[in-house]
Amino acid sequence: MNDKFKIARYIKGFIIILDDYLVNYPKKYFELRNRLVNDSYELLELVYLANYMNVFD
């Protein structure tokens, strides 16, 4: 079980670190900041979907 979601755990850690950095991000780059957050969560969602797919069908 530990190795099954290793990539997901690394992405979650990245999202936490990214959130800490984006707190001090300038307000004038609000769209860029939102895009970084949304893309990070989308990447995590894709990793979860890939884990649940049965590729041997």
PDB file of N, CA and C in Angstrom:
ATOM      1  N   MET A   1       0.820  -1.195   0.000  1.00  0.00           N
ATOM      2  CA  MET A   1       0.000   0.000   0.000  1.00  0.00           C
ATOM      3  C   MET A   1       0.864   1.259   0.000  1.00  0.00           C
ATOM      4  N   ASN A   2       2.019   1.207   0.603  1.00  0.00           N
ATOM      5  CA  ASN A   2       2.865   2.388   0.671  1.00  0.00           C
ATOM      6  C   ASN A   2       3.337   2.851  -0.697  1.00  0.00           C
ATOM      7  N   ASP A   3       3.620   1.908  -1.604  1.00  0.00           N
ATOM      8  CA  ASP A   3       4.134   2.279  -2.907  1.00  0.00           C
ATOM      9  C   ASP A   3       3.040   2.618  -3.905  1.00  0.00           C
ATOM     10  N   LYS A   4       1.797   2.306  -3.577  1.00  0.00           N
ATOM     11  CA  LYS A   4       0.721   2.472  -4.543  1.00  0.00           C
ATOM     12  C   LYS A   4       0.448   3.940  -4.867  1.00  0.00           C
ATOM     13  N   PHE A   5       0.470   4.800  -3.893  1.00  0.00           N
ATOM     14  CA  PHE A   5       0.152   6.208  -4.102  1.00  0.00           C
ATOM     15  C   PHE A   5       1.354   7.112  -3.838  1.00  0.00           C
ATOM     16  N   LYS A   6       2.536   6.645  -4.183  1.00  0.00           N
ATOM     17  CA  LYS A   6       3.751   7.419  -3.921  1.00  0.00           C
ATOM     18  C   LYS A   6       3.759   8.727  -4.696  1.00  0.00           C
ATOM     19  N   ILE A   7       3.366   8.694  -5.961  1.00  0.00           N
ATOM     20  CA  ILE A   7       3.345   9.909  -6.782  1.00  0.00           C
ATOM     21  C   ILE A   7       2.312  10.886  -6.233  1.00  0.00           C
ATOM     22  N   ALA A   8       1.169  10.375  -5.815  1.00  0.00           N
ATOM     23  CA  ALA A   8       0.129  11.242  -5.258  1.00  0.00           C
ATOM     24  C   ALA A   8       0.621  11.938  -3.990  1.00  0.00           C
ATOM     25  N   ARG A   9       1.364  11.210  -3.157  1.00  0.00           N
ATOM     26  CA  ARG A   9       1.894  11.841  -1.942  1.00  0.00           C
ATOM     27  C   ARG A   9       2.892  12.944  -2.269  1.00  0.00           C
ATOM     28  N   TYR A  10       3.723  12.741  -3.283  1.00  0.00           N
ATOM     29  CA  TYR A  10       4.674  13.778  -3.693  1.00  0.00           C
ATOM     30  C   TYR A  10       3.950  15.003  -4.251  1.00  0.00           C
ATOM     31  N   ILE A  11       2.888  14.780  -4.998  1.00  0.00           N
ATOM     32  CA  ILE A  11       2.127  15.900  -5.548  1.00  0.00           C
ATOM     33  C   ILE A  11       1.418  16.661  -4.431  1.00  0.00           C
ATOM     34  N   LYS A  12       0.887  15.943  -3.448  1.00  0.00           N
ATOM     35  CA  LYS A  12       0.260  16.612  -2.302  1.00  0.00           C
ATOM     36  C   LYS A  12       1.281  17.469  -1.560  1.00  0.00           C
ATOM     37  N   GLY A  13       2.477  16.945  -1.366  1.00  0.00           N
ATOM     38  CA  GLY A  13       3.532  17.723  -0.728  1.00  0.00           C
ATOM     39  C   GLY A  13       3.891  18.953  -1.539  1.00  0.00           C
ATOM     40  N   PHE A  14       3.934  18.791  -2.859  1.00  0.00           N
ATOM     41  CA  PHE A  14       4.205  19.928  -3.738  1.00  0.00           C
ATOM     42  C   PHE A  14       3.119  20.988  -3.612  1.00  0.00           C
ATOM     43  N   ILE A  15       1.862  20.568  -3.539  1.00  0.00           N
ATOM     44  CA  ILE A  15       0.754  21.518  -3.414  1.00  0.00           C
ATOM     45  C   ILE A  15       0.851  22.284  -2.102  1.00  0.00           C
ATOM     46  N   ILE A  16       1.230  21.609  -1.036  1.00  0.00           N
ATOM     47  CA  ILE A  16       1.375  22.279   0.264  1.00  0.00           C
ATOM     48  C   ILE A  16       2.501  23.309   0.211  1.00  0.00           C
ATOM     49  N   ILE A  17       3.628  22.936  -0.375  1.00  0.00           N
ATOM     50  CA  ILE A  17       4.748  23.876  -0.505  1.00  0.00           C
ATOM     51  C   ILE A  17       4.386  25.032  -1.417  1.00  0.00           C
ATOM     52  N   LEU A  18       3.701  24.722  -2.526  1.00  0.00           N
ATOM     53  CA  LEU A  18       3.278  25.764  -3.456  1.00  0.00           C
ATOM     54  C   LEU A  18       2.344  26.752  -2.778  1.00  0.00           C
ATOM     55  N   ASP A  19       1.452  26.256  -1.954  1.00  0.00           N
ATOM     56  CA  ASP A  19       0.526  27.124  -1.236  1.00  0.00           C
ATOM     57  C   ASP A  19       1.275  28.072  -0.313  1.00  0.00           C
ATOM     58  N   ASP A  20       2.321  27.579   0.338  1.00  0.00           N
ATOM     59  CA  ASP A  20       3.127  28.439   1.212  1.00  0.00           C
ATOM     60  C   ASP A  20       3.822  29.547   0.419  1.00  0.00           C
ATOM     61  N   TYR A  21       4.302  29.227  -0.768  1.00  0.00           N
ATOM     62  CA  TYR A  21       4.965  30.228  -1.603  1.00  0.00           C
ATOM     63  C   TYR A  21       3.979  31.238  -2.178  1.00  0.00           C
ATOM     64  N   LEU A  22       2.800  30.774  -2.545  1.00  0.00           N
ATOM     65  CA  LEU A  22       1.843  31.653  -3.206  1.00  0.00           C
ATOM     66  C   LEU A  22       1.168  32.630  -2.261  1.00  0.00           C
ATOM     67  N   VAL A  23       1.328  32.452  -0.968  1.00  0.00           N
ATOM     68  CA  VAL A  23       0.780  33.418  -0.008  1.00  0.00           C
ATOM     69  C   VAL A  23       1.445  34.776  -0.220  1.00  0.00           C
ATOM     70  N   ASN A  24       2.719  34.775  -0.539  1.00  0.00           N
ATOM     71  CA  ASN A  24       3.473  36.019  -0.717  1.00  0.00           C
ATOM     72  C   ASN A  24       3.549  36.460  -2.175  1.00  0.00           C
ATOM     73  N   TYR A  25       2.785  35.814  -3.042  1.00  0.00           N
ATOM     74  CA  TYR A  25       2.794  36.149  -4.471  1.00  0.00           C
ATOM     75  C   TYR A  25       2.077  37.480  -4.680  1.00  0.00           C
ATOM     76  N   PRO A  26       2.575  38.326  -5.566  1.00  0.00           N
ATOM     77  CA  PRO A  26       1.936  39.640  -5.775  1.00  0.00           C
ATOM     78  C   PRO A  26       0.498  39.513  -6.273  1.00  0.00           C
ATOM     79  N   LYS A  27      -0.339  40.432  -5.840  1.00  0.00           N
ATOM     80  CA  LYS A  27      -1.754  40.411  -6.212  1.00  0.00           C
ATOM     81  C   LYS A  27      -1.958  40.666  -7.701  1.00  0.00           C
ATOM     82  N   LYS A  28      -1.024  41.353  -8.338  1.00  0.00           N
ATOM     83  CA  LYS A  28      -1.206  41.666  -9.759  1.00  0.00           C
ATOM     84  C   LYS A  28      -1.076  40.414 -10.637  1.00  0.00           C
ATOM     85  N   TYR A  29      -0.529  39.328 -10.089  1.00  0.00           N
ATOM     86  CA  TYR A  29      -0.425  38.064 -10.827  1.00  0.00           C
ATOM     87  C   TYR A  29      -1.444  37.049 -10.324  1.00  0.00           C
ATOM     88  N   PHE A  30      -2.631  37.539 -10.011  1.00  0.00           N
ATOM     89  CA  PHE A  30      -3.696  36.704  -9.443  1.00  0.00           C
ATOM     90  C   PHE A  30      -4.077  35.556 -10.374  1.00  0.00           C
ATOM     91  N   GLU A  31      -4.185  35.817 -11.670  1.00  0.00           N
ATOM     92  CA  GLU A  31      -4.567  34.776 -12.633  1.00  0.00           C
ATOM     93  C   GLU A  31      -3.506  33.691 -12.715  1.00  0.00           C
ATOM     94  N   LEU A  32      -2.246  34.078 -12.726  1.00  0.00           N
ATOM     95  CA  LEU A  32      -1.160  33.106 -12.769  1.00  0.00           C
ATOM     96  C   LEU A  32      -1.166  32.239 -11.514  1.00  0.00           C
ATOM     97  N   ARG A  33      -1.401  32.860 -10.386  1.00  0.00           N
ATOM     98  CA  ARG A  33      -1.447  32.128  -9.119  1.00  0.00           C
ATOM     99  C   ARG A  33      -2.595  31.112  -9.126  1.00  0.00           C
ATOM    100  N   ASN A  34      -3.756  31.534  -9.593  1.00  0.00           N
ATOM    101  CA  ASN A  34      -4.886  30.615  -9.660  1.00  0.00           C
ATOM    102  C   ASN A  34      -4.628  29.484 -10.641  1.00  0.00           C
ATOM    103  N   ARG A  35      -3.971  29.789 -11.734  1.00  0.00           N
ATOM    104  CA  ARG A  35      -3.671  28.751 -12.721  1.00  0.00           C
ATOM    105  C   ARG A  35      -2.710  27.710 -12.147  1.00  0.00           C
ATOM    106  N   LEU A  36      -1.719  28.154 -11.388  1.00  0.00           N
ATOM    107  CA  LEU A  36      -0.788  27.223 -10.758  1.00  0.00           C
ATOM    108  C   LEU A  36      -1.510  26.291  -9.792  1.00  0.00           C
ATOM    109  N   VAL A  37      -2.404  26.835  -8.994  1.00  0.00           N
ATOM    110  CA  VAL A  37      -3.139  26.027  -8.024  1.00  0.00           C
ATOM    111  C   VAL A  37      -4.067  25.055  -8.738  1.00  0.00           C
ATOM    112  N   ASN A  38      -4.819  25.550  -9.712  1.00  0.00           N
ATOM    113  CA  ASN A  38      -5.768  24.692 -10.425  1.00  0.00           C
ATOM    114  C   ASN A  38      -5.067  23.579 -11.190  1.00  0.00           C
ATOM    115  N   ASP A  39      -3.953  23.887 -11.826  1.00  0.00           N
ATOM    116  CA  ASP A  39      -3.223  22.857 -12.561  1.00  0.00           C
ATOM    117  C   ASP A  39      -2.623  21.813 -11.629  1.00  0.00           C
ATOM    118  N   SER A  40      -2.212  22.232 -10.446  1.00  0.00           N
ATOM    119  CA  SER A  40      -1.668  21.287  -9.477  1.00  0.00           C
ATOM    120  C   SER A  40      -2.735  20.306  -9.007  1.00  0.00           C
ATOM    121  N   TYR A  41      -3.916  20.813  -8.723  1.00  0.00           N
ATOM    122  CA  TYR A  41      -5.004  19.928  -8.305  1.00  0.00           C
ATOM    123  C   TYR A  41      -5.486  19.053  -9.459  1.00  0.00           C
ATOM    124  N   GLU A  42      -5.456  19.579 -10.666  1.00  0.00           N
ATOM    125  CA  GLU A  42      -5.827  18.761 -11.824  1.00  0.00           C
ATOM    126  C   GLU A  42      -4.827  17.621 -12.034  1.00  0.00           C
ATOM    127  N   LEU A  43      -3.559  17.904 -11.819  1.00  0.00           N
ATOM    128  CA  LEU A  43      -2.537  16.860 -11.912  1.00  0.00           C
ATOM    129  C   LEU A  43      -2.775  15.769 -10.874  1.00  0.00           C
ATOM    130  N   LEU A  44      -3.101  16.163  -9.662  1.00  0.00           N
ATOM    131  CA  LEU A  44      -3.401  15.194  -8.608  1.00  0.00           C
ATOM    132  C   LEU A  44      -4.629  14.357  -8.973  1.00  0.00           C
ATOM    133  N   GLU A  45      -5.629  14.995  -9.533  1.00  0.00           N
ATOM    134  CA  GLU A  45      -6.825  14.263  -9.952  1.00  0.00           C
ATOM    135  C   GLU A  45      -6.500  13.253 -11.049  1.00  0.00           C
ATOM    136  N   LEU A  46      -5.661  13.632 -11.997  1.00  0.00           N
ATOM    137  CA  LEU A  46      -5.278  12.716 -13.070  1.00  0.00           C
ATOM    138  C   LEU A  46      -4.481  11.525 -12.540  1.00  0.00           C
ATOM    139  N   VAL A  47      -3.664  11.749 -11.529  1.00  0.00           N
ATOM    140  CA  VAL A  47      -2.908  10.644 -10.934  1.00  0.00           C
ATOM    141  C   VAL A  47      -3.852   9.674 -10.243  1.00  0.00           C
ATOM    142  N   TYR A  48      -4.850  10.187  -9.528  1.00  0.00           N
ATOM    143  CA  TYR A  48      -5.833   9.306  -8.891  1.00  0.00           C
ATOM    144  C   TYR A  48      -6.630   8.532  -9.933  1.00  0.00           C
ATOM    145  N   LEU A  49      -7.027   9.183 -11.013  1.00  0.00           N
ATOM    146  CA  LEU A  49      -7.755   8.487 -12.070  1.00  0.00           C
ATOM    147  C   LEU A  49      -6.901   7.398 -12.701  1.00  0.00           C
ATOM    148  N   ALA A  50      -5.635   7.663 -12.906  1.00  0.00           N
ATOM    149  CA  ALA A  50      -4.735   6.671 -13.490  1.00  0.00           C
ATOM    150  C   ALA A  50      -4.558   5.475 -12.557  1.00  0.00           C
ATOM    151  N   ASN A  51      -4.574   5.708 -11.258  1.00  0.00           N
ATOM    152  CA  ASN A  51      -4.450   4.605 -10.301  1.00  0.00           C
ATOM    153  C   ASN A  51      -5.670   3.701 -10.310  1.00  0.00           C
ATOM    154  N   TYR A  52      -6.823   4.245 -10.616  1.00  0.00           N
ATOM    155  CA  TYR A  52      -8.043   3.453 -10.594  1.00  0.00           C
ATOM    156  C   TYR A  52      -8.372   2.805 -11.932  1.00  0.00           C
ATOM    157  N   MET A  53      -7.699   3.226 -12.988  1.00  0.00           N
ATOM    158  CA  MET A  53      -7.958   2.640 -14.299  1.00  0.00           C
ATOM    159  C   MET A  53      -7.370   1.237 -14.377  1.00  0.00           C
ATOM    160  N   ASN A  54      -8.047   0.381 -15.078  1.00  0.00           N
ATOM    161  CA  ASN A  54      -7.549  -0.965 -15.310  1.00  0.00           C
ATOM    162  C   ASN A  54      -6.971  -0.984 -16.714  1.00  0.00           C
ATOM    163  N   VAL A  55      -5.662  -0.953 -16.828  1.00  0.00           N
ATOM    164  CA  VAL A  55      -5.015  -0.840 -18.132  1.00  0.00           C
ATOM    165  C   VAL A  55      -4.872  -2.196 -18.822  1.00  0.00           C
ATOM    166  N   PHE A  56      -5.218  -3.281 -18.159  1.00  0.00           N
ATOM    167  CA  PHE A  56      -5.031  -4.604 -18.750  1.00  0.00           C
ATOM    168  C   PHE A  56      -6.306  -5.163 -19.348  1.00  0.00           C
ATOM    169  N   ASP A  57      -7.330  -4.348 -19.556  1.00  0.00           N
ATOM    170  CA  ASP A  57      -8.581  -4.810 -20.181  1.00  0.00           C
ATOM    171  C   ASP A  57      -8.445  -4.846 -21.682  1.00  0.00           C
TER     172      ASP A  57
END
